[in-house]
N, C-alpha and C. Protein backbone atom coordinates (compact mmCIF):
# COMPACT_ATOMS: atom_id res chain seq x y z
N UNK A 1 -12.88 3.82 44.40
CA UNK A 1 -13.64 3.01 45.34
C UNK A 1 -12.71 2.57 46.46
N UNK A 2 -13.20 2.69 47.68
CA UNK A 2 -12.44 2.24 48.83
C UNK A 2 -13.33 1.35 49.69
N UNK A 3 -12.70 0.46 50.42
CA UNK A 3 -13.42 -0.37 51.39
C UNK A 3 -13.00 0.08 52.77
N UNK A 4 -13.98 0.46 53.59
CA UNK A 4 -13.72 0.95 54.93
C UNK A 4 -14.31 -0.06 55.91
N UNK A 5 -13.47 -0.63 56.77
CA UNK A 5 -13.93 -1.65 57.71
C UNK A 5 -14.31 -1.01 59.04
N UNK A 6 -15.61 -0.89 59.29
CA UNK A 6 -16.13 -0.40 60.56
C UNK A 6 -16.87 -1.51 61.30
N UNK A 7 -16.65 -2.76 60.87
CA UNK A 7 -17.35 -3.89 61.46
C UNK A 7 -16.89 -4.14 62.89
N UNK A 8 -17.59 -5.03 63.56
CA UNK A 8 -17.29 -5.31 64.96
C UNK A 8 -16.04 -6.16 65.15
N UNK A 9 -15.42 -6.62 64.06
CA UNK A 9 -14.17 -7.34 64.16
C UNK A 9 -14.29 -8.77 64.66
N UNK A 10 -15.50 -9.29 64.71
CA UNK A 10 -15.68 -10.65 65.22
C UNK A 10 -15.30 -11.71 64.20
N UNK A 11 -15.41 -11.37 62.91
CA UNK A 11 -15.05 -12.32 61.87
C UNK A 11 -15.69 -13.67 62.07
N UNK A 12 -14.89 -14.70 62.25
CA UNK A 12 -15.40 -16.05 62.42
C UNK A 12 -15.60 -16.44 63.87
N UNK A 13 -15.73 -15.44 64.77
CA UNK A 13 -15.92 -15.74 66.19
C UNK A 13 -17.21 -16.54 66.41
N UNK A 14 -17.28 -17.27 67.50
CA UNK A 14 -18.50 -18.04 67.78
C UNK A 14 -19.73 -17.14 67.86
N UNK A 15 -20.84 -17.73 67.48
CA UNK A 15 -22.11 -17.01 67.54
C UNK A 15 -22.66 -17.08 68.96
N UNK A 16 -23.63 -16.22 69.26
CA UNK A 16 -24.28 -16.32 70.57
C UNK A 16 -24.94 -17.68 70.73
N UNK A 17 -24.83 -18.28 71.90
CA UNK A 17 -25.42 -19.59 72.15
C UNK A 17 -26.53 -19.42 73.18
N UNK A 18 -27.72 -19.88 72.81
CA UNK A 18 -28.85 -19.79 73.72
C UNK A 18 -29.41 -21.16 74.07
N UNK A 19 -29.15 -22.13 73.19
CA UNK A 19 -29.67 -23.47 73.42
C UNK A 19 -28.92 -24.43 72.49
N UNK A 20 -29.32 -25.67 72.50
CA UNK A 20 -28.71 -26.65 71.61
C UNK A 20 -29.27 -26.58 70.20
N UNK A 21 -30.27 -25.74 70.00
CA UNK A 21 -30.84 -25.57 68.66
C UNK A 21 -30.31 -24.26 68.06
N UNK A 22 -30.37 -24.16 66.77
CA UNK A 22 -29.92 -22.95 66.09
C UNK A 22 -31.02 -21.90 66.17
N UNK A 23 -30.73 -20.81 66.87
CA UNK A 23 -31.70 -19.74 67.08
C UNK A 23 -31.26 -18.48 66.35
N UNK A 24 -32.19 -17.78 65.70
CA UNK A 24 -31.83 -16.49 65.10
C UNK A 24 -31.37 -15.51 66.19
N UNK A 25 -30.50 -14.59 65.78
CA UNK A 25 -30.06 -13.54 66.69
C UNK A 25 -29.93 -12.23 65.94
N UNK A 26 -29.94 -11.14 66.68
CA UNK A 26 -29.99 -9.78 66.13
C UNK A 26 -28.64 -9.10 66.35
N UNK A 27 -28.14 -8.41 65.32
CA UNK A 27 -26.94 -7.59 65.44
C UNK A 27 -27.25 -6.21 64.85
N UNK A 28 -26.54 -5.20 65.34
CA UNK A 28 -26.70 -3.86 64.79
C UNK A 28 -25.41 -3.08 64.97
N UNK A 29 -25.26 -2.06 64.17
CA UNK A 29 -24.08 -1.18 64.24
C UNK A 29 -24.49 0.17 63.70
N UNK A 30 -24.11 1.23 64.40
CA UNK A 30 -24.37 2.58 63.90
C UNK A 30 -23.15 3.06 63.13
N UNK A 31 -23.39 3.54 61.92
CA UNK A 31 -22.34 4.05 61.06
C UNK A 31 -22.41 5.57 61.06
N UNK A 32 -21.32 6.20 61.47
CA UNK A 32 -21.18 7.65 61.45
C UNK A 32 -20.36 7.98 60.21
N UNK A 33 -20.95 8.74 59.29
CA UNK A 33 -20.26 9.03 58.03
C UNK A 33 -18.98 9.83 58.24
N UNK A 34 -18.94 10.71 59.24
CA UNK A 34 -17.72 11.45 59.53
C UNK A 34 -16.61 10.49 59.99
N UNK A 35 -16.97 9.52 60.85
CA UNK A 35 -15.99 8.53 61.31
C UNK A 35 -15.52 7.64 60.16
N UNK A 36 -16.43 7.32 59.24
CA UNK A 36 -16.05 6.50 58.08
C UNK A 36 -15.04 7.24 57.22
N UNK A 37 -15.26 8.55 57.01
CA UNK A 37 -14.31 9.33 56.23
C UNK A 37 -12.95 9.40 56.93
N UNK A 38 -12.97 9.53 58.26
CA UNK A 38 -11.72 9.55 59.02
C UNK A 38 -10.99 8.22 58.88
N UNK A 39 -11.74 7.11 58.99
CA UNK A 39 -11.13 5.78 58.84
C UNK A 39 -10.55 5.59 57.45
N UNK A 40 -11.23 6.14 56.44
CA UNK A 40 -10.75 6.03 55.06
C UNK A 40 -9.52 6.91 54.84
N UNK A 41 -9.47 8.05 55.50
CA UNK A 41 -8.36 8.96 55.33
C UNK A 41 -8.61 10.03 54.29
N UNK A 42 -9.81 10.06 53.74
CA UNK A 42 -10.21 11.08 52.77
C UNK A 42 -11.74 11.08 52.70
N UNK A 43 -12.28 12.00 51.92
CA UNK A 43 -13.72 12.11 51.80
C UNK A 43 -14.33 10.83 51.22
N UNK A 44 -15.51 10.51 51.68
CA UNK A 44 -16.24 9.38 51.11
C UNK A 44 -16.63 9.73 49.67
N UNK A 45 -16.84 8.70 48.86
CA UNK A 45 -17.18 8.92 47.45
C UNK A 45 -18.08 7.79 46.97
N UNK A 46 -18.70 8.01 45.82
CA UNK A 46 -19.51 6.95 45.20
C UNK A 46 -18.65 5.72 45.01
N UNK A 47 -19.22 4.55 45.22
CA UNK A 47 -18.60 3.23 45.09
C UNK A 47 -17.79 2.82 46.33
N UNK A 48 -17.72 3.68 47.36
CA UNK A 48 -17.07 3.27 48.61
C UNK A 48 -17.94 2.23 49.30
N UNK A 49 -17.29 1.23 49.87
CA UNK A 49 -17.97 0.15 50.59
C UNK A 49 -17.59 0.26 52.07
N UNK A 50 -18.59 0.35 52.94
CA UNK A 50 -18.36 0.38 54.37
C UNK A 50 -18.78 -0.98 54.94
N UNK A 51 -17.80 -1.74 55.44
CA UNK A 51 -18.09 -3.04 56.05
C UNK A 51 -18.70 -2.78 57.42
N UNK A 52 -19.90 -3.34 57.65
CA UNK A 52 -20.66 -2.99 58.84
C UNK A 52 -20.71 -4.12 59.87
N UNK A 53 -21.25 -5.26 59.52
CA UNK A 53 -21.39 -6.38 60.46
C UNK A 53 -20.73 -7.62 59.89
N UNK A 54 -19.91 -8.27 60.73
CA UNK A 54 -19.31 -9.54 60.32
C UNK A 54 -20.37 -10.62 60.30
N UNK A 55 -20.26 -11.51 59.31
CA UNK A 55 -21.17 -12.65 59.19
C UNK A 55 -20.31 -13.91 59.13
N UNK A 56 -20.41 -14.77 60.15
CA UNK A 56 -19.60 -16.00 60.16
C UNK A 56 -20.03 -16.96 59.04
N UNK A 57 -19.10 -17.82 58.63
CA UNK A 57 -19.41 -18.85 57.65
C UNK A 57 -20.54 -19.73 58.17
N UNK A 58 -21.36 -20.23 57.26
CA UNK A 58 -22.46 -21.11 57.65
C UNK A 58 -23.60 -20.37 58.34
N UNK A 59 -23.85 -19.14 57.90
CA UNK A 59 -24.90 -18.31 58.49
C UNK A 59 -25.93 -17.95 57.43
N UNK A 60 -27.20 -17.97 57.80
CA UNK A 60 -28.24 -17.43 56.94
C UNK A 60 -28.59 -16.05 57.46
N UNK A 61 -28.53 -15.05 56.58
CA UNK A 61 -28.98 -13.70 56.92
C UNK A 61 -30.46 -13.65 56.57
N UNK A 62 -31.30 -13.69 57.60
CA UNK A 62 -32.74 -13.73 57.37
C UNK A 62 -33.26 -12.40 56.83
N UNK A 63 -32.69 -11.30 57.33
CA UNK A 63 -33.05 -9.97 56.84
C UNK A 63 -32.03 -8.98 57.37
N UNK A 64 -31.93 -7.86 56.72
CA UNK A 64 -31.07 -6.76 57.15
C UNK A 64 -31.66 -5.47 56.61
N UNK A 65 -31.34 -4.38 57.25
CA UNK A 65 -31.85 -3.10 56.80
C UNK A 65 -31.12 -1.96 57.45
N UNK A 66 -31.61 -0.75 57.18
CA UNK A 66 -31.00 0.41 57.80
C UNK A 66 -32.05 1.42 58.19
N UNK A 67 -31.69 2.21 59.19
CA UNK A 67 -32.53 3.30 59.70
C UNK A 67 -31.65 4.53 59.80
N UNK A 68 -32.14 5.65 59.30
CA UNK A 68 -31.43 6.91 59.44
C UNK A 68 -31.62 7.39 60.87
N UNK A 69 -30.53 7.54 61.62
CA UNK A 69 -30.64 7.99 63.01
C UNK A 69 -30.29 9.46 63.18
N UNK A 70 -29.51 10.01 62.27
CA UNK A 70 -29.25 11.45 62.19
C UNK A 70 -29.11 11.78 60.71
N UNK A 71 -29.85 12.76 60.25
CA UNK A 71 -29.91 13.09 58.83
C UNK A 71 -28.50 13.33 58.28
N UNK A 72 -28.23 12.78 57.12
CA UNK A 72 -26.95 12.95 56.45
C UNK A 72 -26.74 14.42 56.10
N UNK A 73 -25.49 14.86 56.22
CA UNK A 73 -25.15 16.24 55.90
C UNK A 73 -23.98 16.27 54.93
N UNK A 74 -23.88 17.39 54.21
CA UNK A 74 -22.75 17.62 53.32
C UNK A 74 -22.82 16.90 51.98
N UNK A 75 -23.87 16.11 51.76
CA UNK A 75 -23.95 15.34 50.51
C UNK A 75 -24.72 16.12 49.46
N UNK A 76 -24.55 15.70 48.21
CA UNK A 76 -25.32 16.28 47.11
C UNK A 76 -26.72 15.69 47.13
N UNK A 77 -27.57 16.17 46.25
CA UNK A 77 -28.96 15.71 46.25
C UNK A 77 -29.17 14.47 45.39
N UNK A 78 -28.13 13.69 45.20
CA UNK A 78 -28.27 12.47 44.40
C UNK A 78 -27.64 11.27 45.10
N UNK A 79 -27.61 11.28 46.41
CA UNK A 79 -26.91 10.23 47.16
C UNK A 79 -27.85 9.06 47.45
N UNK A 80 -27.45 7.88 46.97
CA UNK A 80 -28.19 6.66 47.27
C UNK A 80 -27.23 5.63 47.86
N UNK A 81 -27.78 4.74 48.68
CA UNK A 81 -26.97 3.68 49.27
C UNK A 81 -27.64 2.33 49.05
N UNK A 82 -26.81 1.29 49.01
CA UNK A 82 -27.27 -0.09 48.92
C UNK A 82 -26.77 -0.82 50.15
N UNK A 83 -27.45 -1.91 50.50
CA UNK A 83 -27.02 -2.74 51.62
C UNK A 83 -27.11 -4.19 51.18
N UNK A 84 -26.01 -4.91 51.36
CA UNK A 84 -25.97 -6.31 50.98
C UNK A 84 -24.69 -6.96 51.46
N UNK A 85 -24.36 -8.06 50.86
CA UNK A 85 -23.11 -8.75 51.13
C UNK A 85 -22.37 -8.76 49.81
N UNK A 86 -21.33 -7.94 49.73
CA UNK A 86 -20.65 -7.71 48.45
C UNK A 86 -20.24 -9.01 47.77
N UNK A 87 -19.76 -10.00 48.55
CA UNK A 87 -19.32 -11.26 47.97
C UNK A 87 -20.46 -12.13 47.47
N UNK A 88 -21.71 -11.79 47.81
CA UNK A 88 -22.86 -12.61 47.43
C UNK A 88 -23.85 -11.80 46.59
N UNK A 89 -24.37 -10.71 47.14
CA UNK A 89 -25.33 -9.84 46.45
C UNK A 89 -25.26 -8.47 47.11
N UNK A 90 -24.65 -7.50 46.44
CA UNK A 90 -24.32 -6.20 47.04
C UNK A 90 -25.52 -5.34 47.38
N UNK A 91 -26.69 -5.62 46.80
CA UNK A 91 -27.86 -4.79 47.09
C UNK A 91 -29.11 -5.62 47.39
N UNK A 92 -28.90 -6.79 47.95
CA UNK A 92 -30.02 -7.69 48.23
C UNK A 92 -31.00 -7.09 49.23
N UNK A 93 -30.50 -6.49 50.30
CA UNK A 93 -31.38 -6.03 51.38
C UNK A 93 -31.97 -4.65 51.13
N UNK A 94 -31.15 -3.72 50.66
CA UNK A 94 -31.62 -2.36 50.34
C UNK A 94 -30.98 -1.98 49.01
N UNK A 95 -31.80 -1.49 48.10
CA UNK A 95 -31.31 -1.13 46.77
C UNK A 95 -31.74 0.29 46.42
N UNK A 96 -30.77 1.20 46.36
CA UNK A 96 -31.05 2.57 45.91
C UNK A 96 -31.80 3.43 46.91
N UNK A 97 -31.53 3.26 48.22
CA UNK A 97 -32.19 4.08 49.23
C UNK A 97 -31.73 5.53 49.07
N UNK A 98 -32.68 6.45 48.95
CA UNK A 98 -32.40 7.87 48.72
C UNK A 98 -31.99 8.52 50.05
N UNK A 99 -30.70 8.49 50.33
CA UNK A 99 -30.20 8.96 51.62
C UNK A 99 -30.40 10.46 51.81
N UNK A 100 -30.19 11.25 50.75
CA UNK A 100 -30.28 12.70 50.92
C UNK A 100 -31.71 13.18 51.16
N UNK A 101 -32.71 12.38 50.81
CA UNK A 101 -34.11 12.76 51.01
C UNK A 101 -34.70 12.18 52.29
N UNK A 102 -33.94 11.33 52.99
CA UNK A 102 -34.48 10.62 54.15
C UNK A 102 -34.49 11.49 55.40
N UNK A 103 -35.57 11.41 56.14
CA UNK A 103 -35.69 12.11 57.41
C UNK A 103 -35.14 11.24 58.54
N UNK A 104 -34.88 11.85 59.66
CA UNK A 104 -34.42 11.10 60.83
C UNK A 104 -35.47 10.05 61.19
N UNK A 105 -35.02 8.88 61.57
CA UNK A 105 -35.84 7.73 61.96
C UNK A 105 -36.48 7.01 60.79
N UNK A 106 -36.18 7.40 59.56
CA UNK A 106 -36.73 6.71 58.38
C UNK A 106 -36.03 5.37 58.22
N UNK A 107 -36.82 4.35 57.88
CA UNK A 107 -36.30 3.02 57.59
C UNK A 107 -36.28 2.80 56.08
N UNK A 108 -35.24 2.13 55.60
CA UNK A 108 -35.19 1.73 54.20
C UNK A 108 -36.04 0.48 54.03
N UNK A 109 -36.72 0.37 52.91
CA UNK A 109 -37.50 -0.82 52.61
C UNK A 109 -36.60 -1.86 51.94
N UNK A 110 -36.97 -3.12 52.09
CA UNK A 110 -36.20 -4.17 51.41
C UNK A 110 -36.26 -4.00 49.90
N UNK A 111 -35.21 -4.44 49.25
CA UNK A 111 -35.15 -4.42 47.79
C UNK A 111 -36.24 -5.33 47.22
N UNK A 112 -36.67 -5.04 46.01
CA UNK A 112 -37.72 -5.83 45.38
C UNK A 112 -37.32 -7.29 45.24
N UNK A 113 -36.04 -7.56 45.02
CA UNK A 113 -35.56 -8.94 44.84
C UNK A 113 -35.06 -9.55 46.16
N UNK A 114 -35.47 -8.97 47.29
CA UNK A 114 -34.98 -9.44 48.58
C UNK A 114 -35.24 -10.93 48.79
N UNK A 115 -34.25 -11.58 49.36
CA UNK A 115 -34.39 -12.95 49.83
C UNK A 115 -33.34 -13.17 50.90
N UNK A 116 -33.58 -14.10 51.83
CA UNK A 116 -32.52 -14.43 52.79
C UNK A 116 -31.29 -14.95 52.04
N UNK A 117 -30.11 -14.67 52.58
CA UNK A 117 -28.87 -15.10 51.94
C UNK A 117 -28.14 -16.10 52.82
N UNK A 118 -27.55 -17.11 52.21
CA UNK A 118 -26.71 -18.06 52.92
C UNK A 118 -25.26 -17.68 52.63
N UNK A 119 -24.49 -17.51 53.70
CA UNK A 119 -23.09 -17.10 53.58
C UNK A 119 -22.23 -18.34 53.85
N UNK A 120 -21.57 -18.83 52.81
CA UNK A 120 -20.76 -20.04 52.93
C UNK A 120 -19.42 -19.80 53.59
N UNK A 121 -18.79 -18.67 53.28
CA UNK A 121 -17.52 -18.31 53.91
C UNK A 121 -17.70 -16.97 54.60
N UNK A 122 -16.97 -16.75 55.68
CA UNK A 122 -17.12 -15.52 56.47
C UNK A 122 -17.08 -14.29 55.55
N UNK A 123 -17.96 -13.35 55.81
CA UNK A 123 -18.10 -12.15 54.98
C UNK A 123 -18.60 -11.03 55.87
N UNK A 124 -19.01 -9.92 55.26
CA UNK A 124 -19.57 -8.80 56.02
C UNK A 124 -20.81 -8.27 55.31
N UNK A 125 -21.71 -7.70 56.11
CA UNK A 125 -22.82 -6.93 55.55
C UNK A 125 -22.24 -5.55 55.25
N UNK A 126 -22.44 -5.08 54.03
CA UNK A 126 -21.78 -3.87 53.56
C UNK A 126 -22.77 -2.80 53.16
N UNK A 127 -22.43 -1.55 53.50
CA UNK A 127 -23.17 -0.38 53.06
C UNK A 127 -22.38 0.22 51.90
N UNK A 128 -22.97 0.27 50.73
CA UNK A 128 -22.33 0.79 49.53
C UNK A 128 -22.89 2.17 49.23
N UNK A 129 -22.02 3.15 49.05
CA UNK A 129 -22.48 4.45 48.56
C UNK A 129 -22.62 4.28 47.05
N UNK A 130 -23.84 4.02 46.64
CA UNK A 130 -24.10 3.64 45.25
C UNK A 130 -23.92 4.82 44.29
N UNK A 131 -24.52 5.95 44.63
CA UNK A 131 -24.37 7.14 43.80
C UNK A 131 -24.17 8.34 44.71
N UNK A 132 -23.35 9.28 44.26
CA UNK A 132 -23.15 10.53 44.98
C UNK A 132 -22.19 11.40 44.19
N UNK A 133 -22.63 12.61 43.88
CA UNK A 133 -21.69 13.58 43.33
C UNK A 133 -20.77 14.01 44.47
N UNK A 134 -21.37 14.28 45.62
CA UNK A 134 -20.63 14.56 46.85
C UNK A 134 -21.23 13.66 47.92
N UNK A 135 -20.43 12.77 48.50
CA UNK A 135 -20.91 11.84 49.52
C UNK A 135 -21.09 12.55 50.86
N UNK A 136 -21.83 11.96 51.79
CA UNK A 136 -22.07 12.61 53.08
C UNK A 136 -20.78 12.83 53.88
N UNK A 137 -20.78 13.92 54.62
CA UNK A 137 -19.67 14.22 55.53
C UNK A 137 -20.10 14.07 56.97
N UNK A 138 -21.39 13.90 57.21
CA UNK A 138 -21.92 13.74 58.55
C UNK A 138 -23.23 12.98 58.51
N UNK A 139 -23.76 12.71 59.69
CA UNK A 139 -25.00 11.94 59.81
C UNK A 139 -24.70 10.50 60.17
N UNK A 140 -25.73 9.79 60.62
CA UNK A 140 -25.56 8.39 61.03
C UNK A 140 -26.72 7.53 60.54
N UNK A 141 -26.41 6.26 60.30
CA UNK A 141 -27.42 5.26 60.00
C UNK A 141 -27.16 4.05 60.90
N UNK A 142 -28.23 3.41 61.32
CA UNK A 142 -28.14 2.18 62.10
C UNK A 142 -28.42 1.02 61.16
N UNK A 143 -27.44 0.14 61.02
CA UNK A 143 -27.59 -1.05 60.17
C UNK A 143 -27.88 -2.23 61.09
N UNK A 144 -28.93 -2.98 60.80
CA UNK A 144 -29.34 -4.10 61.64
C UNK A 144 -29.46 -5.36 60.77
N UNK A 145 -29.39 -6.50 61.43
CA UNK A 145 -29.55 -7.77 60.71
C UNK A 145 -30.03 -8.85 61.67
N UNK A 146 -30.78 -9.80 61.13
CA UNK A 146 -31.20 -10.99 61.86
C UNK A 146 -30.49 -12.17 61.20
N UNK A 147 -29.66 -12.87 61.98
CA UNK A 147 -28.82 -13.96 61.47
C UNK A 147 -29.19 -15.27 62.16
N UNK A 148 -28.86 -16.36 61.51
CA UNK A 148 -29.05 -17.68 62.12
C UNK A 148 -27.96 -18.63 61.66
N UNK A 149 -27.31 -19.30 62.61
CA UNK A 149 -26.32 -20.32 62.31
C UNK A 149 -27.07 -21.51 61.70
N UNK A 150 -26.63 -21.94 60.51
CA UNK A 150 -27.30 -23.08 59.88
C UNK A 150 -26.39 -24.31 59.84
N UNK A 151 -25.29 -24.25 60.61
CA UNK A 151 -24.39 -25.39 60.68
C UNK A 151 -25.01 -26.55 61.45
N UNK A 152 -24.57 -27.74 61.16
CA UNK A 152 -25.08 -28.93 61.85
C UNK A 152 -24.68 -28.90 63.32
N UNK A 153 -25.54 -29.38 64.17
CA UNK A 153 -25.27 -29.46 65.60
C UNK A 153 -25.03 -30.91 65.97
N UNK A 154 -24.08 -31.16 66.87
CA UNK A 154 -23.85 -32.54 67.29
C UNK A 154 -25.09 -33.13 67.97
N UNK A 155 -25.30 -34.40 67.77
CA UNK A 155 -26.47 -35.04 68.35
C UNK A 155 -26.37 -35.11 69.86
């Protein structure tokens, strides 16, 4: 198992500010499996974790998901992925999405146990290659999330 950081690198950076109230905001990142393998330094494999979007401390992740933007290539016919926050719930948002059977533009459905997550300390939304005899060598997925700062605001 390897952890590959393809996140935006914002970590605990300030969130977008639109008003004096806490407003939800949208983030997204496209993951290229070939680029992930290059960043790892070897072929992707089952149990690899790809860090996708940084989530600052004191944030509620209202929802997150993925869309196949270019069909995965080079993988075996048993490749599934999960999407979650490894430090909280690794498959909260997507559980067991059948990547090798997905067509371009297909969206993963939320996991049956889906619920918004509160992130107490800075973390990342992670794409886990849950199962794969041979993991993808190409293709892309767009990972998206709706976040909201739940920290107290000065009066």
